[in-house]
Amino acid sequence: MTTPSGSARAWRAPLLVALLLAGCTSRPSLVRERFAFPPVAGQTAAPGSGPVLAVPPAEVAAAFDRISFVYRTGEASYETDPYAQLLASPRDLVAEALRDRLRATGRFRLVTGRRAERTADLVLAIEVGSMHGDFRDRSAPAAVLSLRATASRGGEETPVLSKGYEERVPIPARRPEALVAGWDAALTAIAAEVVADLSAAGLLP
């Protein structure tokens, strides 16, 4: 019985490593998908004669303050999807999308961000409590978005309106693009409710 010589062992080791690396690189790699809220579709209303509204970046509950999508799989169990992500932080994306939808109503003279907090007529602070896909029932997936909107007059701390909103939108399948469409529908509905509540409180003409 013969045994491999030292030189044979020396060239076999690099060959084995090369084959292993080739096997690893030949596997299909998973591609991360990045998503953002779409702009308001269609023609938006012209700026109105209402107040100047500032909507600063949102505060987001720790469990959902991440770019990876969050899925609820049980009563107290969640999972994150590293391959389906938001294009930016939910703090910025939610506030930006809400501004876009409020601006499209034509009820405000101007809708802007953090820089106008002290000079705006109204400041709308947003606290996102939940933003996830509810997949507990495989036959009835849904997009869930809940937030609290607190309105105060510019330069003042006392709220003139504070209300919680929650939307649960059924989606056709457990797919990232379907979940984003559901969140978009939820945020659009919430924006309409916010405008109605501001109007009912006498804060809009």
N, C-alpha and C. Protein backbone atom coordinates (compact mmCIF):
# COMPACT_ATOMS: atom_id res chain seq x y z
N MET A 1 0.86 -1.20 0.00
CA MET A 1 0.00 0.00 0.00
C MET A 1 0.88 1.24 0.00
N THR A 2 0.55 2.16 -0.90
CA THR A 2 1.36 3.38 -1.00
C THR A 2 0.59 4.54 -0.41
N THR A 3 1.29 5.50 0.07
CA THR A 3 0.69 6.72 0.64
C THR A 3 1.12 7.91 -0.20
N PRO A 4 0.24 8.95 -0.28
CA PRO A 4 0.61 10.13 -1.08
C PRO A 4 1.87 10.77 -0.54
N SER A 5 2.72 11.18 -1.45
CA SER A 5 3.93 11.88 -1.05
C SER A 5 3.59 13.28 -0.58
N GLY A 6 4.55 13.95 0.02
CA GLY A 6 4.34 15.33 0.49
C GLY A 6 3.99 16.26 -0.63
N SER A 7 4.63 16.07 -1.81
CA SER A 7 4.36 16.97 -2.93
C SER A 7 2.95 16.77 -3.47
N ALA A 8 2.48 15.50 -3.46
CA ALA A 8 1.13 15.23 -3.94
C ALA A 8 0.10 15.88 -3.02
N ARG A 9 0.35 15.74 -1.71
CA ARG A 9 -0.57 16.36 -0.75
C ARG A 9 -0.56 17.87 -0.91
N ALA A 10 0.59 18.44 -1.27
CA ALA A 10 0.73 19.89 -1.38
C ALA A 10 -0.14 20.46 -2.49
N TRP A 11 -0.25 19.75 -3.64
CA TRP A 11 -1.06 20.32 -4.72
C TRP A 11 -2.52 19.92 -4.61
N ARG A 12 -2.80 18.83 -3.87
CA ARG A 12 -4.20 18.42 -3.73
C ARG A 12 -4.98 19.40 -2.84
N ALA A 13 -4.31 19.96 -1.83
CA ALA A 13 -5.01 20.87 -0.90
C ALA A 13 -5.54 22.11 -1.60
N PRO A 14 -4.72 22.82 -2.41
CA PRO A 14 -5.25 23.98 -3.13
C PRO A 14 -6.36 23.60 -4.10
N LEU A 15 -6.23 22.40 -4.72
CA LEU A 15 -7.25 21.96 -5.67
C LEU A 15 -8.59 21.76 -4.96
N LEU A 16 -8.54 21.15 -3.77
CA LEU A 16 -9.76 20.92 -3.00
C LEU A 16 -10.42 22.24 -2.62
N VAL A 17 -9.61 23.21 -2.18
CA VAL A 17 -10.14 24.53 -1.83
C VAL A 17 -10.79 25.19 -3.04
N ALA A 18 -10.13 25.09 -4.19
CA ALA A 18 -10.65 25.70 -5.41
C ALA A 18 -11.99 25.09 -5.80
N LEU A 19 -12.11 23.75 -5.66
CA LEU A 19 -13.36 23.08 -5.99
C LEU A 19 -14.48 23.51 -5.05
N LEU A 20 -14.15 23.64 -3.76
CA LEU A 20 -15.15 24.07 -2.79
C LEU A 20 -15.63 25.48 -3.09
N LEU A 21 -14.69 26.36 -3.43
CA LEU A 21 -15.05 27.73 -3.76
C LEU A 21 -15.90 27.79 -5.01
N ALA A 22 -15.57 26.96 -5.99
CA ALA A 22 -16.34 26.94 -7.22
C ALA A 22 -17.77 26.48 -6.95
N GLY A 23 -17.91 25.50 -6.04
CA GLY A 23 -19.24 25.03 -5.68
C GLY A 23 -20.05 26.10 -5.00
N CYS A 24 -19.39 26.89 -4.13
CA CYS A 24 -20.11 27.96 -3.43
C CYS A 24 -20.55 29.06 -4.38
N THR A 25 -19.65 29.45 -5.27
CA THR A 25 -19.97 30.58 -6.15
C THR A 25 -20.96 30.19 -7.24
N SER A 26 -21.13 28.88 -7.50
CA SER A 26 -22.07 28.47 -8.53
C SER A 26 -23.51 28.45 -8.03
N ARG A 27 -23.72 28.55 -6.71
CA ARG A 27 -25.07 28.58 -6.17
C ARG A 27 -25.73 29.92 -6.49
N PRO A 28 -27.04 29.92 -6.78
CA PRO A 28 -27.72 31.19 -7.04
C PRO A 28 -27.77 32.05 -5.78
N SER A 29 -27.40 33.30 -5.89
CA SER A 29 -27.40 34.19 -4.74
C SER A 29 -28.75 34.89 -4.63
N LEU A 30 -29.19 35.09 -3.39
CA LEU A 30 -30.44 35.79 -3.15
C LEU A 30 -30.21 37.29 -3.30
N VAL A 31 -31.09 37.94 -3.98
CA VAL A 31 -30.95 39.37 -4.26
C VAL A 31 -31.89 40.15 -3.35
N ARG A 32 -31.35 41.16 -2.69
CA ARG A 32 -32.17 42.02 -1.85
C ARG A 32 -33.02 42.94 -2.73
N GLU A 33 -34.28 43.05 -2.37
CA GLU A 33 -35.18 43.98 -3.05
C GLU A 33 -35.43 45.17 -2.14
N ARG A 34 -35.41 46.37 -2.72
CA ARG A 34 -35.62 47.59 -1.95
C ARG A 34 -36.91 48.26 -2.43
N PHE A 35 -37.70 48.76 -1.48
CA PHE A 35 -39.00 49.33 -1.80
C PHE A 35 -39.19 50.69 -1.15
N ALA A 36 -40.02 51.50 -1.77
CA ALA A 36 -40.43 52.79 -1.20
C ALA A 36 -41.90 53.01 -1.53
N PHE A 37 -42.54 53.92 -0.82
CA PHE A 37 -43.93 54.25 -1.13
C PHE A 37 -43.98 54.95 -2.49
N PRO A 38 -44.91 54.57 -3.35
CA PRO A 38 -45.02 55.26 -4.64
C PRO A 38 -45.58 56.66 -4.47
N PRO A 39 -45.28 57.57 -5.39
CA PRO A 39 -45.88 58.91 -5.32
C PRO A 39 -47.37 58.83 -5.57
N VAL A 40 -48.08 59.88 -5.19
CA VAL A 40 -49.52 59.91 -5.41
C VAL A 40 -49.81 59.82 -6.90
N ALA A 41 -50.68 58.90 -7.27
CA ALA A 41 -51.00 58.70 -8.68
C ALA A 41 -51.98 59.76 -9.17
N GLY A 42 -51.87 60.10 -10.45
CA GLY A 42 -52.81 61.03 -11.05
C GLY A 42 -52.51 62.47 -10.71
N GLN A 43 -53.42 63.33 -11.07
CA GLN A 43 -53.24 64.77 -10.87
C GLN A 43 -53.59 65.15 -9.44
N THR A 44 -52.71 65.87 -8.78
CA THR A 44 -52.96 66.30 -7.41
C THR A 44 -53.61 67.68 -7.40
N ALA A 45 -54.27 67.99 -6.30
CA ALA A 45 -54.95 69.28 -6.18
C ALA A 45 -53.94 70.41 -6.05
N ALA A 46 -54.33 71.59 -6.50
CA ALA A 46 -53.46 72.76 -6.36
C ALA A 46 -53.40 73.17 -4.89
N PRO A 47 -52.30 73.80 -4.46
CA PRO A 47 -52.20 74.25 -3.07
C PRO A 47 -53.39 75.13 -2.70
N GLY A 48 -53.91 74.92 -1.48
CA GLY A 48 -55.07 75.67 -1.05
C GLY A 48 -54.70 76.87 -0.21
N SER A 49 -55.70 77.43 0.45
CA SER A 49 -55.49 78.60 1.29
C SER A 49 -55.39 78.22 2.76
N GLY A 50 -55.21 76.93 3.02
CA GLY A 50 -55.15 76.45 4.39
C GLY A 50 -53.82 76.75 5.05
N PRO A 51 -53.57 76.16 6.21
CA PRO A 51 -52.34 76.44 6.96
C PRO A 51 -51.10 75.82 6.34
N VAL A 52 -49.94 76.34 6.75
CA VAL A 52 -48.67 75.69 6.42
C VAL A 52 -48.48 74.57 7.43
N LEU A 53 -48.29 73.36 6.94
CA LEU A 53 -48.19 72.17 7.79
C LEU A 53 -46.79 71.59 7.74
N ALA A 54 -46.20 71.36 8.90
CA ALA A 54 -44.90 70.70 8.99
C ALA A 54 -45.10 69.28 9.52
N VAL A 55 -44.53 68.31 8.81
CA VAL A 55 -44.58 66.92 9.25
C VAL A 55 -43.13 66.44 9.37
N PRO A 56 -42.56 66.48 10.58
CA PRO A 56 -41.18 66.04 10.76
C PRO A 56 -41.06 64.52 10.65
N PRO A 57 -39.83 63.99 10.57
CA PRO A 57 -39.66 62.54 10.53
C PRO A 57 -40.40 61.86 11.67
N ALA A 58 -40.96 60.69 11.37
CA ALA A 58 -41.79 59.98 12.34
C ALA A 58 -40.93 59.32 13.42
N GLU A 59 -41.55 59.11 14.56
CA GLU A 59 -40.98 58.24 15.58
C GLU A 59 -41.56 56.85 15.33
N VAL A 60 -40.73 55.82 15.42
CA VAL A 60 -41.18 54.46 15.11
C VAL A 60 -40.87 53.54 16.29
N ALA A 61 -41.84 52.71 16.65
CA ALA A 61 -41.64 51.74 17.73
C ALA A 61 -40.41 50.88 17.43
N ALA A 62 -39.65 50.56 18.47
CA ALA A 62 -38.36 49.88 18.30
C ALA A 62 -38.47 48.60 17.47
N ALA A 63 -39.54 47.85 17.64
CA ALA A 63 -39.67 46.57 16.94
C ALA A 63 -39.78 46.74 15.43
N PHE A 64 -40.20 47.92 14.99
CA PHE A 64 -40.42 48.15 13.56
C PHE A 64 -39.52 49.23 12.98
N ASP A 65 -38.59 49.72 13.79
CA ASP A 65 -37.68 50.78 13.35
C ASP A 65 -36.48 50.15 12.65
N ARG A 66 -36.73 49.58 11.49
CA ARG A 66 -35.70 48.87 10.72
C ARG A 66 -36.10 48.88 9.25
N ILE A 67 -35.12 48.67 8.38
CA ILE A 67 -35.45 48.65 6.95
C ILE A 67 -35.94 47.28 6.49
N SER A 68 -35.56 46.21 7.18
CA SER A 68 -36.03 44.88 6.81
C SER A 68 -37.52 44.74 7.11
N PHE A 69 -38.26 44.12 6.22
CA PHE A 69 -39.69 43.93 6.43
C PHE A 69 -39.91 43.03 7.64
N VAL A 70 -40.98 43.31 8.37
CA VAL A 70 -41.33 42.52 9.55
C VAL A 70 -42.63 41.78 9.27
N TYR A 71 -42.63 40.47 9.57
CA TYR A 71 -43.81 39.64 9.36
C TYR A 71 -44.27 39.08 10.70
N ARG A 72 -45.56 39.18 10.95
CA ARG A 72 -46.12 38.57 12.16
C ARG A 72 -46.57 37.16 11.80
N THR A 73 -46.02 36.18 12.51
CA THR A 73 -46.30 34.78 12.19
C THR A 73 -47.11 34.07 13.27
N GLY A 74 -47.26 34.70 14.43
CA GLY A 74 -48.03 34.12 15.53
C GLY A 74 -48.50 35.22 16.45
N GLU A 75 -49.19 34.83 17.52
CA GLU A 75 -49.71 35.84 18.44
C GLU A 75 -48.60 36.71 19.02
N ALA A 76 -47.46 36.11 19.30
CA ALA A 76 -46.34 36.88 19.87
C ALA A 76 -45.04 36.62 19.13
N SER A 77 -45.13 36.11 17.90
CA SER A 77 -43.92 35.78 17.15
C SER A 77 -43.86 36.58 15.85
N TYR A 78 -42.65 37.07 15.57
CA TYR A 78 -42.41 37.87 14.37
C TYR A 78 -41.12 37.38 13.72
N GLU A 79 -40.96 37.68 12.45
CA GLU A 79 -39.69 37.41 11.78
C GLU A 79 -39.38 38.57 10.84
N THR A 80 -38.11 38.76 10.58
CA THR A 80 -37.69 39.82 9.66
C THR A 80 -37.19 39.19 8.37
N ASP A 81 -37.33 39.92 7.29
CA ASP A 81 -36.92 39.45 5.97
C ASP A 81 -35.75 40.29 5.48
N PRO A 82 -34.53 39.77 5.56
CA PRO A 82 -33.37 40.56 5.14
C PRO A 82 -33.30 40.79 3.64
N TYR A 83 -34.13 40.09 2.86
CA TYR A 83 -34.08 40.23 1.41
C TYR A 83 -35.20 41.11 0.86
N ALA A 84 -36.06 41.61 1.75
CA ALA A 84 -37.08 42.59 1.36
C ALA A 84 -36.93 43.77 2.31
N GLN A 85 -36.51 44.90 1.80
CA GLN A 85 -36.16 46.03 2.65
C GLN A 85 -36.74 47.34 2.12
N LEU A 86 -36.91 48.28 3.04
CA LEU A 86 -37.27 49.64 2.66
C LEU A 86 -36.05 50.34 2.09
N LEU A 87 -36.28 51.28 1.21
CA LEU A 87 -35.18 52.00 0.57
C LEU A 87 -34.46 52.92 1.55
N ALA A 88 -35.18 53.38 2.57
CA ALA A 88 -34.62 54.24 3.62
C ALA A 88 -35.31 53.87 4.92
N SER A 89 -34.99 54.57 5.99
CA SER A 89 -35.58 54.26 7.28
C SER A 89 -37.08 54.52 7.26
N PRO A 90 -37.86 53.72 8.01
CA PRO A 90 -39.31 53.97 8.06
C PRO A 90 -39.64 55.35 8.62
N ARG A 91 -38.76 55.89 9.47
CA ARG A 91 -38.99 57.24 10.00
C ARG A 91 -39.13 58.25 8.87
N ASP A 92 -38.22 58.16 7.92
CA ASP A 92 -38.22 59.12 6.81
C ASP A 92 -39.26 58.78 5.76
N LEU A 93 -39.38 57.49 5.42
CA LEU A 93 -40.29 57.11 4.34
C LEU A 93 -41.75 57.34 4.70
N VAL A 94 -42.13 57.00 5.93
CA VAL A 94 -43.53 57.19 6.33
C VAL A 94 -43.89 58.68 6.34
N ALA A 95 -43.01 59.49 6.93
CA ALA A 95 -43.27 60.94 6.98
C ALA A 95 -43.32 61.53 5.58
N GLU A 96 -42.40 61.12 4.73
CA GLU A 96 -42.36 61.65 3.36
C GLU A 96 -43.61 61.27 2.59
N ALA A 97 -44.03 60.01 2.72
CA ALA A 97 -45.23 59.55 2.02
C ALA A 97 -46.48 60.24 2.56
N LEU A 98 -46.53 60.45 3.86
CA LEU A 98 -47.69 61.13 4.44
C LEU A 98 -47.75 62.59 3.97
N ARG A 99 -46.60 63.25 3.92
CA ARG A 99 -46.56 64.62 3.39
C ARG A 99 -47.11 64.66 1.97
N ASP A 100 -46.67 63.70 1.17
CA ASP A 100 -47.09 63.64 -0.23
C ASP A 100 -48.61 63.51 -0.34
N ARG A 101 -49.19 62.67 0.50
CA ARG A 101 -50.63 62.45 0.45
C ARG A 101 -51.42 63.62 1.03
N LEU A 102 -50.91 64.25 2.06
CA LEU A 102 -51.57 65.43 2.61
C LEU A 102 -51.49 66.60 1.64
N ARG A 103 -50.35 66.73 0.99
CA ARG A 103 -50.16 67.80 -0.01
C ARG A 103 -51.15 67.63 -1.17
N ALA A 104 -51.40 66.38 -1.53
CA ALA A 104 -52.27 66.10 -2.68
C ALA A 104 -53.73 66.45 -2.43
N THR A 105 -54.11 66.65 -1.17
CA THR A 105 -55.50 66.99 -0.87
C THR A 105 -55.85 68.42 -1.24
N GLY A 106 -54.84 69.29 -1.35
CA GLY A 106 -55.10 70.69 -1.66
C GLY A 106 -55.68 71.48 -0.50
N ARG A 107 -55.60 70.93 0.71
CA ARG A 107 -56.18 71.61 1.87
C ARG A 107 -55.16 72.46 2.61
N PHE A 108 -53.91 72.42 2.17
CA PHE A 108 -52.84 73.14 2.86
C PHE A 108 -52.14 74.08 1.89
N ARG A 109 -51.69 75.20 2.40
CA ARG A 109 -50.93 76.14 1.57
C ARG A 109 -49.56 75.56 1.24
N LEU A 110 -49.01 74.83 2.21
CA LEU A 110 -47.70 74.21 2.03
C LEU A 110 -47.58 73.07 3.02
N VAL A 111 -47.00 71.96 2.58
CA VAL A 111 -46.69 70.83 3.47
C VAL A 111 -45.20 70.59 3.38
N THR A 112 -44.52 70.69 4.51
CA THR A 112 -43.07 70.62 4.50
C THR A 112 -42.57 69.74 5.65
N GLY A 113 -41.25 69.76 5.86
CA GLY A 113 -40.66 68.87 6.85
C GLY A 113 -40.19 69.58 8.10
N ARG A 114 -39.13 69.03 8.69
CA ARG A 114 -38.68 69.47 10.02
C ARG A 114 -38.28 70.93 10.06
N ARG A 115 -37.68 71.45 9.02
CA ARG A 115 -37.12 72.80 9.07
C ARG A 115 -38.16 73.88 9.36
N ALA A 116 -39.42 73.58 9.09
CA ALA A 116 -40.46 74.61 9.25
C ALA A 116 -41.26 74.44 10.54
N GLU A 117 -40.78 73.61 11.46
CA GLU A 117 -41.55 73.33 12.67
C GLU A 117 -41.89 74.60 13.44
N ARG A 118 -40.97 75.53 13.54
CA ARG A 118 -41.20 76.73 14.36
C ARG A 118 -42.00 77.79 13.62
N THR A 119 -41.96 77.76 12.31
CA THR A 119 -42.64 78.80 11.54
C THR A 119 -43.96 78.32 10.93
N ALA A 120 -44.22 77.02 10.97
CA ALA A 120 -45.45 76.49 10.39
C ALA A 120 -46.66 76.86 11.24
N ASP A 121 -47.81 76.89 10.62
CA ASP A 121 -49.05 77.12 11.36
C ASP A 121 -49.42 75.91 12.21
N LEU A 122 -49.17 74.72 11.65
CA LEU A 122 -49.46 73.47 12.35
C LEU A 122 -48.27 72.52 12.21
N VAL A 123 -48.02 71.76 13.26
CA VAL A 123 -46.99 70.71 13.23
C VAL A 123 -47.68 69.39 13.53
N LEU A 124 -47.46 68.41 12.68
CA LEU A 124 -48.07 67.10 12.85
C LEU A 124 -46.98 66.08 13.18
N ALA A 125 -46.95 65.65 14.44
CA ALA A 125 -45.98 64.65 14.89
C ALA A 125 -46.57 63.25 14.70
N ILE A 126 -45.77 62.36 14.14
CA ILE A 126 -46.24 61.01 13.83
C ILE A 126 -45.46 59.99 14.66
N GLU A 127 -46.18 59.09 15.31
CA GLU A 127 -45.58 57.97 16.03
C GLU A 127 -46.13 56.68 15.45
N VAL A 128 -45.27 55.91 14.79
CA VAL A 128 -45.69 54.65 14.18
C VAL A 128 -45.62 53.55 15.24
N GLY A 129 -46.75 52.93 15.51
CA GLY A 129 -46.79 51.87 16.51
C GLY A 129 -46.55 50.50 15.91
N SER A 130 -46.95 50.32 14.66
CA SER A 130 -46.80 49.02 14.01
C SER A 130 -46.78 49.19 12.50
N MET A 131 -45.93 48.43 11.86
CA MET A 131 -45.85 48.42 10.40
C MET A 131 -45.31 47.05 10.00
N HIS A 132 -46.23 46.15 9.67
CA HIS A 132 -45.80 44.77 9.41
C HIS A 132 -46.78 44.07 8.48
N GLY A 133 -46.37 42.89 8.05
CA GLY A 133 -47.27 42.02 7.32
C GLY A 133 -47.81 40.99 8.29
N ASP A 134 -49.12 40.85 8.35
CA ASP A 134 -49.74 39.87 9.25
C ASP A 134 -49.99 38.59 8.47
N PHE A 135 -49.17 37.59 8.74
CA PHE A 135 -49.25 36.33 8.01
C PHE A 135 -49.62 35.17 8.93
N ARG A 136 -50.31 35.47 10.01
CA ARG A 136 -50.74 34.41 10.92
C ARG A 136 -51.70 33.45 10.23
N ASP A 137 -52.58 33.99 9.42
CA ASP A 137 -53.51 33.17 8.65
C ASP A 137 -53.02 33.15 7.20
N ARG A 138 -52.49 32.03 6.77
CA ARG A 138 -51.90 31.94 5.43
C ARG A 138 -52.92 32.24 4.33
N SER A 139 -54.19 32.02 4.62
CA SER A 139 -55.21 32.24 3.60
C SER A 139 -55.71 33.68 3.58
N ALA A 140 -55.28 34.49 4.55
CA ALA A 140 -55.76 35.88 4.61
C ALA A 140 -54.64 36.83 5.03
N PRO A 141 -53.57 36.95 4.22
CA PRO A 141 -52.48 37.87 4.57
C PRO A 141 -52.96 39.32 4.53
N ALA A 142 -52.33 40.16 5.34
CA ALA A 142 -52.76 41.56 5.41
C ALA A 142 -51.58 42.47 5.72
N ALA A 143 -51.68 43.70 5.25
CA ALA A 143 -50.71 44.75 5.59
C ALA A 143 -51.30 45.55 6.75
N VAL A 144 -50.50 45.76 7.79
CA VAL A 144 -50.97 46.46 8.98
C VAL A 144 -50.12 47.70 9.21
N LEU A 145 -50.77 48.82 9.42
CA LEU A 145 -50.08 50.07 9.73
C LEU A 145 -50.88 50.81 10.78
N SER A 146 -50.24 51.12 11.90
CA SER A 146 -50.91 51.91 12.94
C SER A 146 -49.99 53.05 13.34
N LEU A 147 -50.60 54.19 13.62
CA LEU A 147 -49.81 55.35 14.05
C LEU A 147 -50.67 56.31 14.86
N ARG A 148 -50.01 57.18 15.58
CA ARG A 148 -50.68 58.26 16.30
C ARG A 148 -50.22 59.58 15.70
N ALA A 149 -51.19 60.43 15.38
CA ALA A 149 -50.90 61.75 14.83
C ALA A 149 -51.27 62.80 15.88
N THR A 150 -50.30 63.64 16.21
CA THR A 150 -50.52 64.69 17.21
C THR A 150 -50.25 66.04 16.56
N ALA A 151 -51.28 66.87 16.52
CA ALA A 151 -51.16 68.19 15.90
C ALA A 151 -51.05 69.27 16.96
N SER A 152 -50.15 70.21 16.73
CA SER A 152 -50.01 71.37 17.61
C SER A 152 -49.77 72.60 16.75
N ARG A 153 -50.06 73.75 17.30
CA ARG A 153 -49.81 74.98 16.55
C ARG A 153 -48.31 75.28 16.55
N GLY A 154 -47.83 75.88 15.48
CA GLY A 154 -46.41 76.16 15.36
C GLY A 154 -45.87 76.95 16.54
N GLY A 155 -44.77 76.48 17.12
CA GLY A 155 -44.15 77.16 18.25
C GLY A 155 -44.79 76.84 19.59
N GLU A 156 -45.83 76.01 19.60
CA GLU A 156 -46.49 75.63 20.85
C GLU A 156 -46.34 74.13 21.08
N GLU A 157 -46.36 73.74 22.35
CA GLU A 157 -46.21 72.33 22.68
C GLU A 157 -47.53 71.66 23.00
N THR A 158 -48.54 72.42 23.38
CA THR A 158 -49.82 71.84 23.76
C THR A 158 -50.55 71.32 22.52
N PRO A 159 -50.88 70.02 22.48
CA PRO A 159 -51.57 69.47 21.31
C PRO A 159 -52.98 70.03 21.16
N VAL A 160 -53.39 70.23 19.93
CA VAL A 160 -54.77 70.61 19.66
C VAL A 160 -55.55 69.42 19.11
N LEU A 161 -54.83 68.35 18.77
CA LEU A 161 -55.46 67.12 18.31
C LEU A 161 -54.46 65.98 18.47
N SER A 162 -54.90 64.87 19.02
CA SER A 162 -54.06 63.68 19.13
C SER A 162 -54.96 62.46 18.99
N LYS A 163 -54.68 61.65 17.99
CA LYS A 163 -55.57 60.52 17.71
C LYS A 163 -54.78 59.36 17.10
N GLY A 164 -55.18 58.14 17.46
CA GLY A 164 -54.57 56.95 16.90
C GLY A 164 -55.34 56.46 15.68
N TYR A 165 -54.61 55.93 14.72
CA TYR A 165 -55.21 55.41 13.49
C TYR A 165 -54.61 54.04 13.21
N GLU A 166 -55.44 53.13 12.75
CA GLU A 166 -54.94 51.80 12.38
C GLU A 166 -55.70 51.30 11.16
N GLU A 167 -54.94 50.79 10.21
CA GLU A 167 -55.53 50.24 9.00
C GLU A 167 -54.98 48.83 8.78
N ARG A 168 -55.89 47.94 8.42
CA ARG A 168 -55.52 46.56 8.08
C ARG A 168 -56.05 46.30 6.68
N VAL A 169 -55.13 46.12 5.74
CA VAL A 169 -55.50 46.00 4.33
C VAL A 169 -55.21 44.59 3.84
N PRO A 170 -56.23 43.84 3.41
CA PRO A 170 -55.98 42.50 2.85
C PRO A 170 -55.11 42.60 1.60
N ILE A 171 -54.18 41.66 1.47
CA ILE A 171 -53.32 41.62 0.28
C ILE A 171 -53.46 40.25 -0.38
N PRO A 172 -53.22 40.16 -1.68
CA PRO A 172 -53.49 38.91 -2.40
C PRO A 172 -52.53 37.77 -2.09
N ALA A 173 -51.32 38.09 -1.67
CA ALA A 173 -50.33 37.04 -1.45
C ALA A 173 -49.23 37.55 -0.53
N ARG A 174 -48.47 36.61 0.00
CA ARG A 174 -47.34 36.97 0.86
C ARG A 174 -46.14 37.32 -0.02
N ARG A 175 -46.22 38.49 -0.62
CA ARG A 175 -45.13 38.97 -1.46
C ARG A 175 -44.78 40.39 -1.04
N PRO A 176 -43.50 40.76 -1.09
CA PRO A 176 -43.09 42.10 -0.65
C PRO A 176 -43.81 43.22 -1.40
N GLU A 177 -43.97 43.08 -2.72
CA GLU A 177 -44.62 44.15 -3.48
C GLU A 177 -46.09 44.29 -3.10
N ALA A 178 -46.73 43.18 -2.76
CA ALA A 178 -48.13 43.24 -2.31
C ALA A 178 -48.22 43.91 -0.94
N LEU A 179 -47.24 43.64 -0.09
CA LEU A 179 -47.23 44.26 1.24
C LEU A 179 -47.03 45.77 1.14
N VAL A 180 -46.14 46.21 0.27
CA VAL A 180 -45.92 47.65 0.08
C VAL A 180 -47.18 48.32 -0.45
N ALA A 181 -47.86 47.67 -1.39
CA ALA A 181 -49.11 48.22 -1.92
C ALA A 181 -50.16 48.33 -0.81
N GLY A 182 -50.17 47.35 0.10
CA GLY A 182 -51.09 47.41 1.23
C GLY A 182 -50.77 48.54 2.18
N TRP A 183 -49.49 48.71 2.50
CA TRP A 183 -49.09 49.84 3.35
C TRP A 183 -49.44 51.17 2.70
N ASP A 184 -49.26 51.24 1.39
CA ASP A 184 -49.58 52.47 0.66
C ASP A 184 -51.07 52.79 0.78
N ALA A 185 -51.91 51.78 0.59
CA ALA A 185 -53.36 51.98 0.73
C ALA A 185 -53.72 52.38 2.16
N ALA A 186 -53.05 51.78 3.14
CA ALA A 186 -53.31 52.11 4.54
C ALA A 186 -52.94 53.55 4.84
N LEU A 187 -51.78 53.98 4.36
CA LEU A 187 -51.33 55.34 4.63
C LEU A 187 -52.21 56.37 3.92
N THR A 188 -52.67 56.04 2.72
CA THR A 188 -53.56 56.94 2.00
C THR A 188 -54.88 57.11 2.76
N ALA A 189 -55.40 56.01 3.30
CA ALA A 189 -56.64 56.08 4.08
C ALA A 189 -56.44 56.88 5.35
N ILE A 190 -55.29 56.68 6.01
CA ILE A 190 -55.01 57.41 7.24
C ILE A 190 -54.88 58.91 6.96
N ALA A 191 -54.22 59.27 5.86
CA ALA A 191 -54.08 60.68 5.50
C ALA A 191 -55.45 61.34 5.33
N ALA A 192 -56.38 60.64 4.70
CA ALA A 192 -57.73 61.18 4.52
C ALA A 192 -58.42 61.36 5.86
N GLU A 193 -58.21 60.42 6.78
CA GLU A 193 -58.82 60.53 8.11
C GLU A 193 -58.22 61.70 8.89
N VAL A 194 -56.91 61.88 8.77
CA VAL A 194 -56.25 62.99 9.46
C VAL A 194 -56.82 64.33 8.98
N VAL A 195 -56.96 64.48 7.67
CA VAL A 195 -57.51 65.72 7.12
C VAL A 195 -58.93 65.94 7.63
N ALA A 196 -59.74 64.88 7.66
CA ALA A 196 -61.11 65.01 8.15
C ALA A 196 -61.14 65.42 9.61
N ASP A 197 -60.23 64.87 10.42
CA ASP A 197 -60.20 65.20 11.84
C ASP A 197 -59.69 66.62 12.08
N LEU A 198 -58.70 67.05 11.30
CA LEU A 198 -58.22 68.43 11.42
C LEU A 198 -59.32 69.41 11.04
N SER A 199 -60.07 69.05 10.02
CA SER A 199 -61.17 69.91 9.59
C SER A 199 -62.27 69.96 10.65
N ALA A 200 -62.59 68.80 11.23
CA ALA A 200 -63.63 68.75 12.27
C ALA A 200 -63.22 69.53 13.51
N ALA A 201 -61.91 69.61 13.77
CA ALA A 201 -61.41 70.35 14.92
C ALA A 201 -61.30 71.84 14.64
N GLY A 202 -61.69 72.27 13.46
CA GLY A 202 -61.63 73.68 13.11
C GLY A 202 -60.24 74.18 12.76
N LEU A 203 -59.35 73.26 12.41
CA LEU A 203 -57.97 73.64 12.11
C LEU A 203 -57.73 73.84 10.61
N LEU A 204 -58.74 73.51 9.80
CA LEU A 204 -58.65 73.72 8.35
C LEU A 204 -59.84 74.54 7.90
N PRO A 205 -59.64 75.43 6.94
CA PRO A 205 -60.76 76.24 6.43
C PRO A 205 -61.73 75.38 5.62
